[in-house]
């Protein structure tokens, strides 16, 4: 079935040559005749991990871009593959396509079901727009990198190491490397074929397997960047930051044989970076500093904008374009109107603000409650987590404070839940109610998590812990009902790293603990719009 799908659904008969002038359309029309031989050849190539050398012979045709080409830049290269080899390659692609969502990060939208490459274009445009308007003390910069002949320079041993590292085994690995390393080319010049030549590295353009291998290899660069992020070295713009970025890039290039064209790469800094720092970043990166975004070779957004604006009757609507001159008395009138409108809106909002009380919820006898909360300094900074266990009489049974060196907000939320549950498990409590002010945690428990989630392993660990041999449930609570854990988390933010277990409540939060014991009621306000 996979061979049939690859042959009939995925091969365009007009693009490939077969030796002895037999094209793919002949095999499709005569499938009943050639089916047995083709299936035997394809299955044998995977079983014995080899196929005839002639099978991977590729013709390179030179197609003129202009009527009278004068040099090689005026020619477009098109690779013409053997039809039978194309079937083998398509079968491998069919297998890989089902595995790719688990092997790559979600940002590789072209290989994720339901994703489109335009998603990343919009994200890139949003990032650049943010850099243009950002204010404050922290500055940032973007580095657009141009890789020279990215497909042609990939080292074969690097490709093999990558596909083995992602978990592919056995005949699949050997078959992939067979497709990569046995290719040899002949160029079609003036209707004649040149002598055959064989590359020593690289993957072939327009070969269906090549994009998958290239994306898997580029994942290694993402891994190197994530390692720097996890240890807190990937931060705002500074003199040392471009050196860290260049270190990741140099290591990746040494492993993969890739080469960066620094002359074609560009640096764009946010508006709050001074000129001296911007030039320093540009010098270390070895790339041109760009101040005009129009010079960056990103895909233009005009086509997407037109599609969006064409919703409805297909006409673009211009707003705020009235060319009216405003006199002084008109400005006063507008000021009064805006003032009245503002007061009316504030009165309307005050009528829609509702409040309700938040306090300790009694537990059943034998139950204990685990309250946990997290704190994080900055978007990517020191993680602090606080949690405590109390029984149905509100007695303090134990607490913990976790301080990690670096991380993100979502990473914080997952770590503090795991540490809290593990502490309760070790102390032998069998009836546990976990209260958290994070709706994300509740959603993680109620719904399945995609395998390509960066924290999938940690999520699975605490899911298994929750469904272990005990009565454990996780419920949402507002921050006003979780003040003790919140105080513990804030207490640890600026202290040493590690885990601290406490048999008694720290003195700094005794007042908060006493408030809970006295049934102190806190109020939470909501704005209802309707």
Protein backbone atom coordinates (compact mmCIF):
# COMPACT_ATOMS: atom_id res chain seq x y z
CA UNK A 1 0.00 0.00 0.00
CA UNK A 2 2.82 2.46 0.85
CA UNK A 3 4.48 1.74 -2.49
CA UNK A 4 1.18 2.29 -4.32
CA UNK A 5 0.55 5.60 -2.49
CA UNK A 6 4.09 6.80 -3.20
CA UNK A 7 3.81 5.84 -6.85
CA UNK A 8 0.36 7.10 -7.79
CA UNK A 9 -0.32 9.95 -5.36
CA UNK A 10 3.08 11.57 -4.86
CA UNK A 11 4.92 11.34 -8.20
CA UNK A 12 4.42 13.84 -10.99
CA UNK A 13 5.07 11.97 -14.19
CA UNK A 14 6.36 15.01 -16.06
CA UNK A 15 9.35 15.69 -13.79
CA UNK A 16 11.40 12.50 -13.82
CA UNK A 17 13.39 10.56 -16.38
CA UNK A 18 13.93 6.85 -16.54
CA UNK A 19 16.84 5.28 -18.36
CA UNK A 20 15.98 4.06 -21.85
CA UNK A 21 13.46 6.95 -22.11
CA UNK A 22 10.83 5.23 -19.97
CA UNK A 23 8.95 7.80 -17.87
CA UNK A 24 6.83 7.34 -14.78
CA UNK A 25 3.61 7.53 -16.76
CA UNK A 26 4.52 4.26 -18.48
CA UNK A 27 4.79 2.46 -15.14
CA UNK A 28 1.54 3.95 -13.90
CA UNK A 29 -0.36 2.97 -17.02
CA UNK A 30 1.15 -0.51 -16.98
CA UNK A 31 1.00 -1.04 -13.22
CA UNK A 32 -0.50 -4.50 -13.53
CA UNK A 33 2.49 -5.59 -15.61
CA UNK A 34 5.36 -4.01 -13.66
CA UNK A 35 3.83 -4.19 -10.15
CA UNK A 36 5.55 -7.42 -9.12
CA UNK A 37 9.03 -6.35 -10.23
CA UNK A 38 8.77 -2.87 -8.70
CA UNK A 39 7.49 -4.16 -5.36
CA UNK A 40 10.24 -6.79 -5.29
CA UNK A 41 12.89 -4.14 -5.96
CA UNK A 42 11.61 -1.68 -3.36
CA UNK A 43 11.08 -4.28 -0.63
CA UNK A 44 14.49 -5.80 -1.40
CA UNK A 45 16.21 -2.44 -1.05
CA UNK A 46 14.96 -2.15 2.54
CA UNK A 47 15.49 -5.80 3.38
CA UNK A 48 19.04 -6.09 2.04
CA UNK A 49 19.87 -2.37 2.52
CA UNK A 50 21.16 -1.95 -1.01
CA UNK A 51 19.98 -1.29 -4.54
CA UNK A 52 21.64 -1.12 -7.97
CA UNK A 53 24.06 1.80 -8.31
CA UNK A 54 22.37 2.93 -11.52
CA UNK A 55 19.16 3.46 -9.58
CA UNK A 56 20.48 6.63 -7.91
CA UNK A 57 21.78 8.23 -11.09
CA UNK A 58 20.59 11.83 -11.37
CA UNK A 59 20.61 14.08 -14.41
CA UNK A 60 21.14 17.81 -13.89
CA UNK A 61 19.41 19.92 -16.52
CA UNK A 62 20.26 23.59 -16.98
CA UNK A 63 17.17 25.68 -17.70
CA UNK A 64 17.72 29.33 -18.80
CA UNK A 65 16.19 32.02 -16.62
CA UNK A 66 16.47 34.64 -19.37
CA UNK A 67 16.25 34.38 -23.19
CA UNK A 68 20.03 34.70 -23.77
CA UNK A 69 21.98 33.42 -20.74
CA UNK A 70 25.60 34.54 -20.50
CA UNK A 71 26.86 32.99 -17.25
CA UNK A 72 25.89 30.28 -14.76
CA UNK A 73 23.81 32.65 -12.66
CA UNK A 74 21.40 32.91 -15.59
CA UNK A 75 20.70 29.17 -15.43
CA UNK A 76 18.39 27.23 -13.13
CA UNK A 77 19.45 23.74 -12.09
CA UNK A 78 16.82 21.00 -12.14
CA UNK A 79 17.53 17.48 -10.92
CA UNK A 80 15.92 14.61 -12.83
CA UNK A 81 15.66 11.41 -10.84
CA UNK A 82 15.15 7.78 -11.63
CA UNK A 83 11.48 6.88 -11.17
CA UNK A 84 12.19 3.67 -9.27
CA UNK A 85 14.53 5.46 -6.89
CA UNK A 86 11.82 8.08 -6.41
CA UNK A 87 9.46 5.39 -5.15
CA UNK A 88 12.01 4.24 -2.54
CA UNK A 89 12.57 7.81 -1.42
CA UNK A 90 8.83 8.51 -1.21
CA UNK A 91 8.26 5.42 0.95
CA UNK A 92 10.88 6.70 3.43
CA UNK A 93 9.24 10.14 3.38
CA UNK A 94 5.87 8.49 4.07
CA UNK A 95 7.35 6.91 7.21
CA UNK A 96 9.15 10.06 8.34
CA UNK A 97 6.16 12.35 7.85
CA UNK A 98 4.25 10.53 10.59
CA UNK A 99 7.22 10.83 12.97
CA UNK A 100 8.22 14.43 12.30
CA UNK A 101 5.77 16.08 14.76
CA UNK A 102 7.49 14.12 17.55
CA UNK A 103 11.04 14.82 16.32
CA UNK A 104 10.99 18.58 15.71
CA UNK A 105 9.95 21.68 17.61
CA UNK A 106 6.54 23.23 16.82
CA UNK A 107 8.16 26.26 15.18
CA UNK A 108 9.01 24.08 12.18
CA UNK A 109 5.45 24.68 11.01
CA UNK A 110 6.01 23.41 7.47
CA UNK A 111 6.39 19.87 8.87
CA UNK A 112 3.73 20.07 11.59
CA UNK A 113 0.17 19.04 10.62
CA UNK A 114 -1.99 22.13 10.18
CA UNK A 115 0.97 24.50 10.09
CA UNK A 116 2.02 26.84 7.30
CA UNK A 117 5.31 28.59 6.62
CA UNK A 118 3.43 31.91 6.65
CA UNK A 119 3.01 31.47 10.42
CA UNK A 120 6.73 31.95 10.96
CA UNK A 121 6.80 34.90 8.57
CA UNK A 122 4.15 36.66 10.66
CA UNK A 123 6.06 35.84 13.88
CA UNK A 124 9.27 37.27 12.38
CA UNK A 125 7.45 40.44 11.38
CA UNK A 126 5.99 40.77 14.88
CA UNK A 127 9.44 40.38 16.46
CA UNK A 128 10.92 43.04 14.20
CA UNK A 129 8.00 45.35 14.91
CA UNK A 130 8.57 44.85 18.63
CA UNK A 131 12.23 45.76 18.22
CA UNK A 132 11.23 48.97 16.44
CA UNK A 133 8.92 50.20 19.21
CA UNK A 134 10.45 48.68 22.35
CA UNK A 135 11.29 50.99 25.26
CA UNK A 136 13.02 50.52 28.58
CA UNK A 137 16.50 49.62 29.75
CA UNK A 138 16.75 46.15 28.22
CA UNK A 139 17.67 46.12 24.55
CA UNK A 140 17.54 43.24 22.09
CA UNK A 141 18.81 42.47 18.62
CA UNK A 142 18.02 40.00 15.86
CA UNK A 143 20.56 38.25 13.65
CA UNK A 144 19.47 37.11 10.22
CA UNK A 145 21.93 34.43 9.14
CA UNK A 146 22.62 33.43 5.55
CA UNK A 147 24.00 29.88 5.15
CA UNK A 148 26.06 29.20 2.03
CA UNK A 149 24.79 26.27 -0.05
CA UNK A 150 22.99 24.81 2.96
CA UNK A 151 21.95 21.56 1.24
CA UNK A 152 25.24 21.02 -0.59
CA UNK A 153 27.54 21.24 2.45
CA UNK A 154 25.83 18.92 4.96
CA UNK A 155 28.27 16.28 6.16
CA UNK A 156 27.03 12.72 5.71
CA UNK A 157 28.37 11.49 9.05
CA UNK A 158 26.54 14.38 10.73
CA UNK A 159 23.29 13.38 9.03
CA UNK A 160 23.71 9.81 10.23
CA UNK A 161 24.45 10.90 13.81
CA UNK A 162 21.35 13.11 13.83
CA UNK A 163 18.90 10.48 12.57
CA UNK A 164 20.33 7.93 15.01
CA UNK A 165 20.06 10.43 17.86
CA UNK A 166 16.36 11.09 17.18
CA UNK A 167 15.67 7.36 17.57
CA UNK A 168 15.65 5.93 14.05
CA UNK A 169 17.20 2.48 13.90
CA UNK A 170 18.16 -0.46 11.75
CA UNK A 171 17.29 -0.68 8.10
CA UNK A 172 15.60 2.72 8.05
CA UNK A 173 18.87 4.48 8.96
CA UNK A 174 20.83 2.42 6.43
CA UNK A 175 18.23 3.06 3.72
CA UNK A 176 18.30 6.81 4.34
CA UNK A 177 22.09 6.93 4.19
CA UNK A 178 22.02 4.73 1.08
CA UNK A 179 19.83 7.31 -0.65
CA UNK A 180 22.12 10.13 0.49
CA UNK A 181 25.54 8.65 -0.22
CA UNK A 182 25.08 6.66 -3.44
CA UNK A 183 23.93 9.54 -5.63
CA UNK A 184 26.00 10.37 -8.72
CA UNK A 185 25.30 13.02 -11.31
CA UNK A 186 25.44 13.58 -15.03
CA UNK A 187 24.85 17.00 -16.55
CA UNK A 188 22.71 17.47 -19.65
CA UNK A 189 24.56 19.94 -21.94
CA UNK A 190 23.31 20.63 -25.45
CA UNK A 191 21.34 17.40 -25.39
CA UNK A 192 24.38 15.31 -24.40
CA UNK A 193 25.28 13.71 -21.07
CA UNK A 194 28.60 14.51 -19.41
CA UNK A 195 30.72 12.01 -17.49
CA UNK A 196 29.41 10.91 -14.12
CA UNK A 197 30.68 12.60 -10.95
CA UNK A 198 30.02 11.78 -7.29
CA UNK A 199 29.72 14.23 -4.36
CA UNK A 200 31.38 13.66 -0.99
CA UNK A 201 28.84 15.58 1.08
CA UNK A 202 25.48 17.29 0.85
CA UNK A 203 21.92 16.31 0.01
CA UNK A 204 20.21 16.70 -3.34
CA UNK A 205 17.94 19.61 -4.20
CA UNK A 206 14.29 18.80 -5.01
CA UNK A 207 14.71 15.28 -3.67
CA UNK A 208 11.66 14.52 -1.45
CA UNK A 209 13.79 13.17 1.39
CA UNK A 210 16.14 16.18 1.54
CA UNK A 211 13.85 18.72 3.32
CA UNK A 212 13.18 16.25 6.14
CA UNK A 213 16.88 15.53 6.66
CA UNK A 214 17.77 19.21 6.51
CA UNK A 215 15.18 20.18 9.13
CA UNK A 216 16.34 17.39 11.45
CA UNK A 217 19.93 18.59 11.11
CA UNK A 218 18.96 22.21 11.77
CA UNK A 219 17.30 21.05 14.98
CA UNK A 220 20.80 20.62 16.38
CA UNK A 221 21.29 24.38 16.16
CA UNK A 222 18.02 24.84 18.06
CA UNK A 223 19.28 22.42 20.72
CA UNK A 224 22.52 24.39 21.13
CA UNK A 225 20.54 27.61 21.54
CA UNK A 226 18.16 26.00 24.06
CA UNK A 227 21.13 24.83 26.13
CA UNK A 228 22.31 28.42 26.45
CA UNK A 229 18.78 29.55 27.28
CA UNK A 230 18.41 26.94 30.03
CA UNK A 231 21.59 28.05 31.80
CA UNK A 232 20.66 31.73 31.56
CA UNK A 233 23.24 32.83 28.99
CA UNK A 234 20.75 33.85 26.29
CA UNK A 235 19.71 37.30 27.47
CA UNK A 236 19.27 40.88 26.34
CA UNK A 237 21.76 42.71 24.16
CA UNK A 238 25.22 43.13 25.69
CA UNK A 239 28.86 43.05 24.64
CA UNK A 240 29.13 39.34 25.54
CA UNK A 241 25.81 38.17 24.06
CA UNK A 242 26.93 38.05 20.38
CA UNK A 243 29.95 35.98 21.43
CA UNK A 244 27.62 33.39 22.98
CA UNK A 245 25.47 33.33 19.85
CA UNK A 246 28.52 33.02 17.61
CA UNK A 247 29.84 30.19 19.79
CA UNK A 248 26.64 28.19 19.15
CA UNK A 249 26.81 28.92 15.45
CA UNK A 250 30.50 28.00 15.14
CA UNK A 251 29.98 24.71 16.96
CA UNK A 252 27.07 23.81 14.71
CA UNK A 253 29.06 24.69 11.58
CA UNK A 254 32.02 22.59 12.73
CA UNK A 255 29.78 19.58 13.27
CA UNK A 256 27.73 19.88 10.08
CA UNK A 257 30.26 21.51 7.70
CA UNK A 258 27.86 24.38 7.18
CA UNK A 259 29.28 27.80 6.37
CA UNK A 260 27.75 31.18 7.18
CA UNK A 261 28.01 34.04 4.72
CA UNK A 262 28.57 36.87 7.19
CA UNK A 263 28.65 39.42 4.39
CA UNK A 264 25.04 38.51 3.53
CA UNK A 265 23.92 38.26 7.16
CA UNK A 266 22.43 41.26 8.95
CA UNK A 267 22.03 42.63 12.46
CA UNK A 268 19.01 44.69 13.53
CA UNK A 269 18.97 46.25 16.99
CA UNK A 270 16.05 47.56 19.01
CA UNK A 271 15.57 51.30 19.25
CA UNK A 272 16.73 51.51 22.88
CA UNK A 273 20.26 50.22 22.14
CA UNK A 274 22.88 52.93 21.93
CA UNK A 275 25.01 53.33 18.83
CA UNK A 276 28.23 52.11 20.46
CA UNK A 277 26.70 48.81 21.65
CA UNK A 278 24.98 48.27 18.29
CA UNK A 279 28.26 48.67 16.42
CA UNK A 280 30.00 46.37 18.90
CA UNK A 281 27.38 43.67 18.33
CA UNK A 282 27.73 44.07 14.58
CA UNK A 283 31.53 43.80 14.78
CA UNK A 284 31.53 40.65 16.91
CA UNK A 285 28.93 38.97 14.70
CA UNK A 286 30.78 40.07 11.58
CA UNK A 287 27.52 41.13 9.95
CA UNK A 288 26.22 44.40 8.57
CA UNK A 289 24.19 46.57 10.95
CA UNK A 290 20.84 47.41 9.36
CA UNK A 291 18.70 50.33 10.48
CA UNK A 292 16.11 50.12 7.70
CA UNK A 293 13.98 46.98 7.84
CA UNK A 294 13.23 47.27 4.14
CA UNK A 295 16.79 46.10 3.47
CA UNK A 296 16.20 42.80 5.24
CA UNK A 297 15.38 39.98 2.84
CA UNK A 298 12.29 38.75 4.67
CA UNK A 299 9.25 37.82 2.66
CA UNK A 300 7.05 40.83 2.12
CA UNK A 301 3.67 40.94 3.82
CA UNK A 302 1.80 42.76 1.05
CA UNK A 303 0.15 39.62 -0.30
CA UNK A 304 -1.00 38.47 3.13
CA UNK A 305 -2.25 41.95 4.02
CA UNK A 306 -4.25 42.17 0.80
CA UNK A 307 -5.84 38.79 1.51
CA UNK A 308 -6.82 39.91 5.00
CA UNK A 309 -8.16 43.27 3.85
CA UNK A 310 -10.12 41.61 1.05
CA UNK A 311 -12.41 39.88 3.55
CA UNK A 312 -16.05 40.73 2.83
CA UNK A 313 -16.63 42.80 -0.31
CA UNK A 314 -12.97 42.62 -1.35
CA UNK A 315 -12.32 46.33 -0.93
CA UNK A 316 -9.68 47.90 1.28
CA UNK A 317 -11.13 50.26 3.83
CA UNK A 318 -9.21 53.41 4.74
CA UNK A 319 -9.85 54.80 8.22
CA UNK A 320 -8.59 57.86 10.09
CA UNK A 321 -7.78 59.52 6.76
CA UNK A 322 -10.17 62.50 6.90
CA UNK A 323 -8.29 65.66 5.90
CA UNK A 324 -10.04 68.11 8.24
CA UNK A 325 -8.50 71.17 9.80
CA UNK A 326 -9.39 71.53 13.49
CA UNK A 327 -9.84 74.93 15.04
CA UNK A 328 -9.19 75.84 18.64
CA UNK A 329 -12.84 75.81 19.72
CA UNK A 330 -13.28 72.39 18.11
CA UNK A 331 -10.43 71.02 20.21
CA UNK A 332 -12.14 72.28 23.38
CA UNK A 333 -15.39 70.66 22.29
CA UNK A 334 -13.60 67.36 21.60
CA UNK A 335 -11.88 67.55 24.99
CA UNK A 336 -15.26 67.91 26.73
CA UNK A 337 -16.69 65.07 24.70
CA UNK A 338 -13.78 62.78 25.56
CA UNK A 339 -14.01 63.74 29.22
CA UNK A 340 -17.74 62.98 29.36
CA UNK A 341 -17.17 59.73 27.49
CA UNK A 342 -14.39 58.70 29.89
CA UNK A 343 -16.53 59.42 32.95
CA UNK A 344 -19.45 57.50 31.45
CA UNK A 345 -17.21 54.50 30.76
CA UNK A 346 -15.74 54.56 34.27
CA UNK A 347 -19.23 54.63 35.78
CA UNK A 348 -20.27 51.74 33.57
CA UNK A 349 -17.18 49.74 34.57
CA UNK A 350 -17.80 50.36 38.28
CA UNK A 351 -21.32 48.98 37.92
CA UNK A 352 -19.96 45.84 36.23
CA UNK A 353 -17.23 45.14 38.80
CA UNK A 354 -18.25 42.20 40.99
CA UNK A 355 -16.45 40.74 43.96
CA UNK A 356 -16.62 37.54 45.97
CA UNK A 357 -14.84 36.25 49.02
CA UNK A 358 -11.95 33.78 49.01
CA UNK A 359 -11.06 31.86 52.16
CA UNK A 360 -9.92 28.47 53.44
CA UNK A 361 -12.13 25.61 52.25
CA UNK A 362 -12.54 22.88 54.92
CA UNK A 363 -11.20 19.41 54.11
CA UNK A 364 -12.63 16.02 54.84
CA UNK A 365 -11.08 14.09 57.70
CA UNK A 366 -7.88 12.32 56.65
CA UNK A 367 -7.25 14.67 53.73
CA UNK A 368 -4.26 16.98 53.41
CA UNK A 369 -3.99 20.01 51.19
CA UNK A 370 -0.92 20.88 49.14
CA UNK A 371 -0.79 24.55 48.17
CA UNK A 372 1.91 25.54 45.72
CA UNK A 373 2.90 28.74 43.94
CA UNK A 374 5.83 29.94 41.87
CA UNK A 375 7.81 33.08 41.35
CA UNK A 376 10.08 34.06 38.51
CA UNK A 377 12.38 37.07 38.17
CA UNK A 378 11.86 38.26 34.61
CA UNK A 379 10.55 36.31 31.64
CA UNK A 380 13.62 34.06 31.80
CA UNK A 381 15.23 34.21 35.22
CA UNK A 382 15.55 32.63 38.63
CA UNK A 383 12.76 30.16 39.39
CA UNK A 384 11.40 30.04 42.92
CA UNK A 385 8.69 27.71 44.11
CA UNK A 386 6.89 27.56 47.42
CA UNK A 387 4.59 24.91 48.78
CA UNK A 388 3.22 23.64 52.07
CA UNK A 389 1.07 20.77 53.34
CA UNK A 390 -1.69 21.23 55.93
CA UNK A 391 -4.22 18.79 57.34
CA UNK A 392 -7.98 19.21 57.77
CA UNK A 393 -7.33 21.05 61.06
CA UNK A 394 -5.09 23.55 59.21
CA UNK A 395 -2.01 22.35 61.07
CA UNK A 396 1.32 22.87 59.29
CA UNK A 397 2.69 19.44 58.29
CA UNK A 398 5.62 20.60 56.21
CA UNK A 399 6.77 23.00 53.56
CA UNK A 400 9.35 23.30 50.85
CA UNK A 401 11.04 26.03 48.87
CA UNK A 402 12.68 25.26 45.54
CA UNK A 403 15.06 27.67 43.85
CA UNK A 404 16.37 26.85 40.37
CA UNK A 405 19.08 28.84 38.70
CA UNK A 406 17.23 29.60 35.49
CA UNK A 407 14.10 28.79 33.56
CA UNK A 408 10.86 30.02 32.05
CA UNK A 409 7.43 30.56 33.59
CA UNK A 410 5.93 27.34 32.21
CA UNK A 411 8.99 25.41 33.37
CA UNK A 412 8.53 26.88 36.83
CA UNK A 413 4.91 25.81 37.06
CA UNK A 414 5.77 22.23 36.11
CA UNK A 415 8.73 21.91 38.47
CA UNK A 416 6.95 23.18 41.55
CA UNK A 417 4.06 20.76 41.09
CA UNK A 418 6.42 17.81 40.65
CA UNK A 419 8.48 18.71 43.74
CA UNK A 420 5.37 19.26 45.84
CA UNK A 421 3.74 15.98 44.87
CA UNK A 422 7.00 14.11 45.39
CA UNK A 423 7.36 15.54 48.91
CA UNK A 424 3.80 14.52 49.81
CA UNK A 425 4.33 11.04 48.34
CA UNK A 426 7.48 10.45 50.40
CA UNK A 427 5.71 11.47 53.60
CA UNK A 428 3.08 8.80 53.08
CA UNK A 429 -0.06 10.91 52.67
CA UNK A 430 -2.73 8.98 50.75
CA UNK A 431 -5.51 11.56 50.43
CA UNK A 432 -4.23 14.73 48.83
CA UNK A 433 -5.88 17.79 47.31
CA UNK A 434 -3.55 20.02 45.31
CA UNK A 435 -4.53 23.67 45.00
CA UNK A 436 -2.84 25.88 42.42
CA UNK A 437 -3.56 29.29 40.93
CA UNK A 438 -2.29 28.15 37.53
CA UNK A 439 -5.01 27.20 35.08
CA UNK A 440 -2.29 25.87 32.76
CA UNK A 441 -1.55 23.05 35.20
CA UNK A 442 -5.21 22.09 35.41
CA UNK A 443 -5.44 22.05 31.61
CA UNK A 444 -2.34 19.86 31.36
CA UNK A 445 -4.00 17.28 33.59
CA UNK A 446 -7.37 17.37 31.87
CA UNK A 447 -6.01 17.20 28.32
CA UNK A 448 -3.42 15.13 26.48
CA UNK A 449 -0.07 16.79 25.84
CA UNK A 450 1.53 16.78 22.42
CA UNK A 451 4.75 14.78 22.19
CA UNK A 452 6.60 17.76 20.75
CA UNK A 453 5.93 19.93 23.81
CA UNK A 454 9.33 21.06 25.20
CA UNK A 455 8.41 19.86 28.70
CA UNK A 456 6.62 16.66 27.65
CA UNK A 457 8.84 14.37 29.78
CA UNK A 458 8.28 16.40 32.94
CA UNK A 459 4.53 16.58 32.31
CA UNK A 460 4.38 12.80 31.95
CA UNK A 461 6.32 12.35 35.21
CA UNK A 462 3.87 14.25 37.35
CA UNK A 463 0.88 12.80 35.50
CA UNK A 464 2.09 9.32 36.46
CA UNK A 465 2.60 10.52 40.01
CA UNK A 466 -0.96 11.88 40.21
CA UNK A 467 -2.59 8.64 39.03
CA UNK A 468 -0.46 6.48 41.36
CA UNK A 469 -1.92 4.39 44.17
CA UNK A 470 -3.46 7.22 46.16
CA UNK A 471 -6.38 9.63 46.16
CA UNK A 472 -5.01 12.77 44.52
CA UNK A 473 -6.80 15.58 42.72
CA UNK A 474 -5.65 18.94 41.35
CA UNK A 475 -7.95 21.97 41.59
CA UNK A 476 -7.68 25.62 40.72
CA UNK A 477 -7.67 28.30 43.41
CA UNK A 478 -7.35 32.05 43.07
CA UNK A 479 -4.20 33.72 44.35
CA UNK A 480 -6.13 35.20 47.29
CA UNK A 481 -6.69 31.64 48.50
CA UNK A 482 -3.03 30.68 48.04
CA UNK A 483 -1.25 33.48 49.90
CA UNK A 484 0.98 31.25 52.07
CA UNK A 485 2.51 29.46 49.08
CA UNK A 486 2.82 32.79 47.32
CA UNK A 487 4.74 34.17 50.28
CA UNK A 488 7.07 31.16 50.31
CA UNK A 489 7.84 31.56 46.61
CA UNK A 490 8.61 35.27 46.95
CA UNK A 491 10.72 34.59 50.03
CA UNK A 492 13.09 32.37 48.06
CA UNK A 493 13.53 34.44 44.88
CA UNK A 494 16.75 36.13 45.97
CA UNK A 495 18.21 33.36 48.14
CA UNK A 496 20.65 30.56 47.38
CA UNK A 497 19.78 27.84 44.89
CA UNK A 498 18.49 24.40 45.82
CA UNK A 499 15.62 22.80 47.73
CA UNK A 500 14.83 23.63 51.36
CA UNK A 501 12.34 21.60 53.41
CA UNK A 502 10.82 23.22 56.48
CA UNK A 503 9.06 21.48 59.37
CA UNK A 504 7.91 24.84 60.74
CA UNK A 505 6.59 27.89 58.86
CA UNK A 506 9.32 30.49 58.25
CA UNK A 507 9.00 33.59 60.49
CA UNK A 508 8.50 35.85 57.46
CA UNK A 509 5.13 34.26 56.64
CA UNK A 510 3.75 33.62 60.15
CA UNK A 511 1.26 36.47 59.77
CA UNK A 512 -0.12 34.94 56.56
CA UNK A 513 -0.41 31.51 58.21
CA UNK A 514 -2.26 33.05 61.17
CA UNK A 515 -4.66 34.83 58.81
CA UNK A 516 -5.60 31.49 57.25
CA UNK A 517 -6.07 29.94 60.69
CA UNK A 518 -8.43 32.80 61.67
CA UNK A 519 -10.57 32.36 58.53
CA UNK A 520 -9.54 35.73 57.16
CA UNK A 521 -11.66 36.49 54.11
CA UNK A 522 -10.08 38.15 51.07
CA UNK A 523 -12.03 39.64 48.21
CA UNK A 524 -11.39 39.15 44.52
CA UNK A 525 -12.80 41.59 41.96
CA UNK A 526 -13.98 40.76 38.45
CA UNK A 527 -15.12 42.93 35.59
CA UNK A 528 -18.17 41.53 33.81
CA UNK A 529 -18.68 42.89 30.32
CA UNK A 530 -21.98 42.47 28.60
